[in-house]
Amino acid sequence: MKNKKAQHEIVGFALIIIIVSIIGLVFLSFAIGRGESVKKTSVEISDFLQSAMYYTTNCAISHIPNYKDLQDLIKSCYRNEKCLNDEMACDVLKKSFNEIIKNSFQVSEAGKNKAYELNIYYRDLTIEGDEEILVISDGDFANCSSSAGSSQAIFMDSGNINVELEMCYG
């Protein structure tokens, strides 16, 4: 009699564990389904941003053989400096980044890379909020089957200049 009673208690305990597990899985599936979408990072885009920072532009600020790379040009754009050829540093930065991205990723509506958005902003570590430096975008993110991005930080003064690139894939 004791053996049968013990078996019934074990079966009952197992049923309780199974029911609690199923309820836990249901709640977990709801919690995961409602969560914010996680931004995918891309090694390809990260490597692109790191190498792009060393791309030499046609902008010299102080003297002619000292042409700025993109990293220094971003800083010059933030300071609102002018190149020796009378172009604004931000204009040269925009043209250069547009050209590099389009040539590197072949962005087009018919291709694999449908759209991109490049966001450059300054974030002071002592003050709340971001100061926009430059935003460049091309294409339509509405037709994306997936997207990925990456960011690059440039240390400056008491903060960072952040360069973020997000690509839309078709």
C-alpha atoms as a PDB file:
ATOM      1  CA  MET A   1       0.000   0.000   0.000  1.00  0.00           C
ATOM      2  CA  LYS A   2       2.841   2.368   0.820  1.00  0.00           C
ATOM      3  CA  ASN A   3       4.493   1.722  -2.567  1.00  0.00           C
ATOM      4  CA  LYS A   4       1.326   2.631  -4.495  1.00  0.00           C
ATOM      5  CA  LYS A   5       0.843   5.794  -2.469  1.00  0.00           C
ATOM      6  CA  ALA A   6       4.488   6.805  -3.111  1.00  0.00           C
ATOM      7  CA  GLN A   7       4.078   6.131  -6.845  1.00  0.00           C
ATOM      8  CA  HIS A   8       0.973   8.333  -6.965  1.00  0.00           C
ATOM      9  CA  GLU A   9       2.817  11.138  -5.213  1.00  0.00           C
ATOM     10  CA  ILE A  10       5.749  10.894  -7.688  1.00  0.00           C
ATOM     11  CA  VAL A  11       3.385  10.933 -10.675  1.00  0.00           C
ATOM     12  CA  GLY A  12       1.533  13.914  -9.209  1.00  0.00           C
ATOM     13  CA  PHE A  13       4.782  15.752  -8.588  1.00  0.00           C
ATOM     14  CA  ALA A  14       5.936  15.035 -12.187  1.00  0.00           C
ATOM     15  CA  LEU A  15       2.620  16.377 -13.541  1.00  0.00           C
ATOM     16  CA  ILE A  16       2.996  19.563 -11.511  1.00  0.00           C
ATOM     17  CA  ILE A  17       6.552  20.050 -12.865  1.00  0.00           C
ATOM     18  CA  ILE A  18       5.355  19.526 -16.452  1.00  0.00           C
ATOM     19  CA  ILE A  19       2.431  21.964 -16.055  1.00  0.00           C
ATOM     20  CA  VAL A  20       4.665  24.638 -14.473  1.00  0.00           C
ATOM     21  CA  SER A  21       7.232  24.151 -17.277  1.00  0.00           C
ATOM     22  CA  ILE A  22       4.579  24.587 -19.985  1.00  0.00           C
ATOM     23  CA  ILE A  23       3.206  27.731 -18.325  1.00  0.00           C
ATOM     24  CA  GLY A  24       6.774  29.082 -18.013  1.00  0.00           C
ATOM     25  CA  LEU A  25       7.433  28.434 -21.728  1.00  0.00           C
ATOM     26  CA  VAL A  26       4.215  30.238 -22.694  1.00  0.00           C
ATOM     27  CA  PHE A  27       5.170  33.299 -20.642  1.00  0.00           C
ATOM     28  CA  LEU A  28       8.711  33.201 -22.013  1.00  0.00           C
ATOM     29  CA  SER A  29       7.466  33.080 -25.606  1.00  0.00           C
ATOM     30  CA  PHE A  30       5.257  36.127 -24.965  1.00  0.00           C
ATOM     31  CA  ALA A  31       8.137  38.006 -23.365  1.00  0.00           C
ATOM     32  CA  ILE A  32      10.498  37.282 -26.255  1.00  0.00           C
ATOM     33  CA  GLY A  33       7.856  38.056 -28.877  1.00  0.00           C
ATOM     34  CA  ARG A  34       7.161  41.519 -27.444  1.00  0.00           C
ATOM     35  CA  GLY A  35      10.778  42.553 -26.944  1.00  0.00           C
ATOM     36  CA  GLU A  36      12.475  45.301 -28.878  1.00  0.00           C
ATOM     37  CA  SER A  37      14.138  44.271 -32.091  1.00  0.00           C
ATOM     38  CA  VAL A  38      17.828  43.715 -31.561  1.00  0.00           C
ATOM     39  CA  LYS A  39      20.081  45.645 -33.885  1.00  0.00           C
ATOM     40  CA  LYS A  40      22.333  43.249 -35.766  1.00  0.00           C
ATOM     41  CA  THR A  41      25.972  44.180 -35.976  1.00  0.00           C
ATOM     42  CA  SER A  42      28.010  43.383 -39.031  1.00  0.00           C
ATOM     43  CA  VAL A  43      31.707  42.579 -39.084  1.00  0.00           C
ATOM     44  CA  GLU A  44      31.820  43.675 -42.733  1.00  0.00           C
ATOM     45  CA  ILE A  45      30.412  47.117 -41.894  1.00  0.00           C
ATOM     46  CA  SER A  46      32.650  47.414 -38.825  1.00  0.00           C
ATOM     47  CA  ASP A  47      35.755  46.653 -40.919  1.00  0.00           C
ATOM     48  CA  PHE A  48      34.551  49.082 -43.578  1.00  0.00           C
ATOM     49  CA  LEU A  49      34.160  51.917 -41.067  1.00  0.00           C
ATOM     50  CA  GLN A  50      37.564  51.255 -39.493  1.00  0.00           C
ATOM     51  CA  SER A  51      39.362  51.298 -42.834  1.00  0.00           C
ATOM     52  CA  ALA A  52      37.318  54.239 -44.180  1.00  0.00           C
ATOM     53  CA  MET A  53      38.650  56.446 -41.387  1.00  0.00           C
ATOM     54  CA  TYR A  54      42.070  56.320 -43.106  1.00  0.00           C
ATOM     55  CA  TYR A  55      40.785  57.225 -46.590  1.00  0.00           C
ATOM     56  CA  THR A  56      42.609  60.362 -47.773  1.00  0.00           C
ATOM     57  CA  THR A  57      40.314  63.113 -49.051  1.00  0.00           C
ATOM     58  CA  ASN A  58      41.064  66.108 -51.280  1.00  0.00           C
ATOM     59  CA  CYS A  59      40.706  68.557 -48.398  1.00  0.00           C
ATOM     60  CA  ALA A  60      43.703  70.279 -46.864  1.00  0.00           C
ATOM     61  CA  ILE A  61      43.058  72.686 -44.007  1.00  0.00           C
ATOM     62  CA  SER A  62      46.471  74.127 -43.178  1.00  0.00           C
ATOM     63  CA  HIS A  63      48.753  73.468 -46.187  1.00  0.00           C
ATOM     64  CA  ILE A  64      48.492  71.601 -49.482  1.00  0.00           C
ATOM     65  CA  PRO A  65      50.429  68.359 -49.029  1.00  0.00           C
ATOM     66  CA  ASN A  66      48.630  67.747 -45.721  1.00  0.00           C
ATOM     67  CA  TYR A  67      45.369  66.261 -47.008  1.00  0.00           C
ATOM     68  CA  LYS A  68      42.930  65.093 -44.317  1.00  0.00           C
ATOM     69  CA  ASP A  69      41.814  61.515 -43.896  1.00  0.00           C
ATOM     70  CA  LEU A  70      38.119  60.959 -43.122  1.00  0.00           C
ATOM     71  CA  GLN A  71      38.696  60.738 -39.379  1.00  0.00           C
ATOM     72  CA  ASP A  72      40.398  64.153 -39.285  1.00  0.00           C
ATOM     73  CA  LEU A  73      37.887  65.562 -41.772  1.00  0.00           C
ATOM     74  CA  ILE A  74      35.041  64.587 -39.436  1.00  0.00           C
ATOM     75  CA  LYS A  75      36.735  66.581 -36.676  1.00  0.00           C
ATOM     76  CA  SER A  76      37.220  69.522 -39.070  1.00  0.00           C
ATOM     77  CA  CYS A  77      33.562  69.318 -40.048  1.00  0.00           C
ATOM     78  CA  TYR A  78      32.563  69.406 -36.372  1.00  0.00           C
ATOM     79  CA  ARG A  79      34.702  72.536 -35.942  1.00  0.00           C
ATOM     80  CA  ASN A  80      33.080  74.033 -39.084  1.00  0.00           C
ATOM     81  CA  GLU A  81      36.449  74.467 -40.855  1.00  0.00           C
ATOM     82  CA  LYS A  82      37.042  75.277 -44.490  1.00  0.00           C
ATOM     83  CA  CYS A  83      39.405  73.496 -46.903  1.00  0.00           C
ATOM     84  CA  LEU A  84      42.047  75.491 -48.767  1.00  0.00           C
ATOM     85  CA  ASN A  85      40.069  75.043 -52.014  1.00  0.00           C
ATOM     86  CA  ASP A  86      37.218  77.068 -50.368  1.00  0.00           C
ATOM     87  CA  GLU A  87      34.964  74.027 -49.868  1.00  0.00           C
ATOM     88  CA  MET A  88      33.507  73.429 -46.439  1.00  0.00           C
ATOM     89  CA  ALA A  89      34.908  70.354 -44.681  1.00  0.00           C
ATOM     90  CA  CYS A  90      31.359  68.999 -44.193  1.00  0.00           C
ATOM     91  CA  ASP A  91      30.644  69.180 -47.940  1.00  0.00           C
ATOM     92  CA  VAL A  92      33.833  67.266 -48.765  1.00  0.00           C
ATOM     93  CA  LEU A  93      33.017  64.765 -46.008  1.00  0.00           C
ATOM     94  CA  LYS A  94      29.533  64.168 -47.393  1.00  0.00           C
ATOM     95  CA  LYS A  95      30.786  63.709 -50.963  1.00  0.00           C
ATOM     96  CA  SER A  96      33.614  61.413 -49.897  1.00  0.00           C
ATOM     97  CA  PHE A  97      31.496  59.164 -47.675  1.00  0.00           C
ATOM     98  CA  ASN A  98      28.725  58.957 -50.303  1.00  0.00           C
ATOM     99  CA  GLU A  99      31.233  57.900 -52.951  1.00  0.00           C
ATOM    100  CA  ILE A 100      33.001  55.355 -50.742  1.00  0.00           C
ATOM    101  CA  ILE A 101      29.781  53.708 -49.542  1.00  0.00           C
ATOM    102  CA  LYS A 102      28.224  53.491 -52.998  1.00  0.00           C
ATOM    103  CA  ASN A 103      31.412  52.047 -54.514  1.00  0.00           C
ATOM    104  CA  SER A 104      32.020  49.604 -51.663  1.00  0.00           C
ATOM    105  CA  PHE A 105      28.492  48.249 -51.253  1.00  0.00           C
ATOM    106  CA  GLN A 106      26.926  48.923 -54.703  1.00  0.00           C
ATOM    107  CA  VAL A 107      23.739  50.374 -53.226  1.00  0.00           C
ATOM    108  CA  SER A 108      20.790  50.197 -55.632  1.00  0.00           C
ATOM    109  CA  GLU A 109      17.108  49.270 -55.595  1.00  0.00           C
ATOM    110  CA  ALA A 110      17.793  46.244 -57.831  1.00  0.00           C
ATOM    111  CA  GLY A 111      20.884  45.011 -55.946  1.00  0.00           C
ATOM    112  CA  LYS A 112      21.481  43.149 -52.691  1.00  0.00           C
ATOM    113  CA  ASN A 113      22.130  46.398 -50.775  1.00  0.00           C
ATOM    114  CA  LYS A 114      18.909  48.403 -50.966  1.00  0.00           C
ATOM    115  CA  ALA A 115      19.675  51.390 -48.735  1.00  0.00           C
ATOM    116  CA  TYR A 116      22.006  52.830 -46.149  1.00  0.00           C
ATOM    117  CA  GLU A 117      22.041  55.472 -43.457  1.00  0.00           C
ATOM    118  CA  LEU A 118      25.201  57.063 -42.103  1.00  0.00           C
ATOM    119  CA  ASN A 119      24.835  59.068 -38.907  1.00  0.00           C
ATOM    120  CA  ILE A 120      27.734  61.089 -37.458  1.00  0.00           C
ATOM    121  CA  TYR A 121      27.196  62.857 -34.141  1.00  0.00           C
ATOM    122  CA  TYR A 122      29.140  64.223 -31.183  1.00  0.00           C
ATOM    123  CA  ARG A 123      28.336  62.989 -27.682  1.00  0.00           C
ATOM    124  CA  ASP A 124      29.822  65.007 -24.840  1.00  0.00           C
ATOM    125  CA  LEU A 125      30.396  62.822 -21.799  1.00  0.00           C
ATOM    126  CA  THR A 126      29.606  65.683 -19.415  1.00  0.00           C
ATOM    127  CA  ILE A 127      26.408  66.949 -21.082  1.00  0.00           C
ATOM    128  CA  GLU A 128      23.193  65.066 -21.867  1.00  0.00           C
ATOM    129  CA  GLY A 129      22.229  64.688 -25.549  1.00  0.00           C
ATOM    130  CA  ASP A 130      23.915  64.344 -28.929  1.00  0.00           C
ATOM    131  CA  GLU A 131      24.988  67.012 -31.392  1.00  0.00           C
ATOM    132  CA  GLU A 132      24.338  65.974 -34.989  1.00  0.00           C
ATOM    133  CA  ILE A 133      27.244  66.519 -37.366  1.00  0.00           C
ATOM    134  CA  LEU A 134      26.130  64.789 -40.563  1.00  0.00           C
ATOM    135  CA  VAL A 135      23.412  62.383 -41.733  1.00  0.00           C
ATOM    136  CA  ILE A 136      23.618  60.766 -45.152  1.00  0.00           C
ATOM    137  CA  SER A 137      21.110  58.248 -46.463  1.00  0.00           C
ATOM    138  CA  ASP A 138      20.172  56.686 -49.755  1.00  0.00           C
ATOM    139  CA  GLY A 139      17.447  54.205 -50.659  1.00  0.00           C
ATOM    140  CA  ASP A 140      14.310  53.109 -48.857  1.00  0.00           C
ATOM    141  CA  PHE A 141      14.414  51.058 -45.654  1.00  0.00           C
ATOM    142  CA  ALA A 142      10.741  50.069 -46.106  1.00  0.00           C
ATOM    143  CA  ASN A 143      11.623  47.225 -48.491  1.00  0.00           C
ATOM    144  CA  CYS A 144      14.287  45.618 -46.276  1.00  0.00           C
ATOM    145  CA  SER A 145      14.221  41.927 -45.557  1.00  0.00           C
ATOM    146  CA  SER A 146      17.002  42.510 -43.007  1.00  0.00           C
ATOM    147  CA  SER A 147      19.387  45.194 -41.850  1.00  0.00           C
ATOM    148  CA  ALA A 148      22.687  45.358 -40.017  1.00  0.00           C
ATOM    149  CA  GLY A 149      25.028  48.066 -38.890  1.00  0.00           C
ATOM    150  CA  SER A 150      28.047  49.037 -36.893  1.00  0.00           C
ATOM    151  CA  SER A 151      29.621  52.072 -35.302  1.00  0.00           C
ATOM    152  CA  GLN A 152      33.044  53.632 -34.892  1.00  0.00           C
ATOM    153  CA  ALA A 153      34.053  56.037 -32.116  1.00  0.00           C
ATOM    154  CA  ILE A 154      36.528  58.887 -32.544  1.00  0.00           C
ATOM    155  CA  PHE A 155      37.777  60.412 -29.303  1.00  0.00           C
ATOM    156  CA  MET A 156      37.676  64.197 -29.209  1.00  0.00           C
ATOM    157  CA  ASP A 157      37.842  66.753 -26.386  1.00  0.00           C
ATOM    158  CA  SER A 158      35.564  65.667 -23.541  1.00  0.00           C
ATOM    159  CA  GLY A 159      33.472  63.292 -25.633  1.00  0.00           C
ATOM    160  CA  ASN A 160      33.263  61.035 -28.659  1.00  0.00           C
ATOM    161  CA  ILE A 161      32.321  61.479 -32.263  1.00  0.00           C
ATOM    162  CA  ASN A 162      30.281  58.425 -33.229  1.00  0.00           C
ATOM    163  CA  VAL A 163      30.022  57.226 -36.810  1.00  0.00           C
ATOM    164  CA  GLU A 164      27.150  54.777 -37.319  1.00  0.00           C
ATOM    165  CA  LEU A 165      26.364  52.998 -40.585  1.00  0.00           C
ATOM    166  CA  GLU A 166      23.272  50.859 -41.108  1.00  0.00           C
ATOM    167  CA  MET A 167      22.699  48.851 -44.302  1.00  0.00           C
ATOM    168  CA  CYS A 168      19.390  47.538 -45.640  1.00  0.00           C
ATOM    169  CA  TYR A 169      19.520  44.185 -47.411  1.00  0.00           C
ATOM    170  CA  GLY A 170      16.891  42.999 -49.878  1.00  0.00           C
END
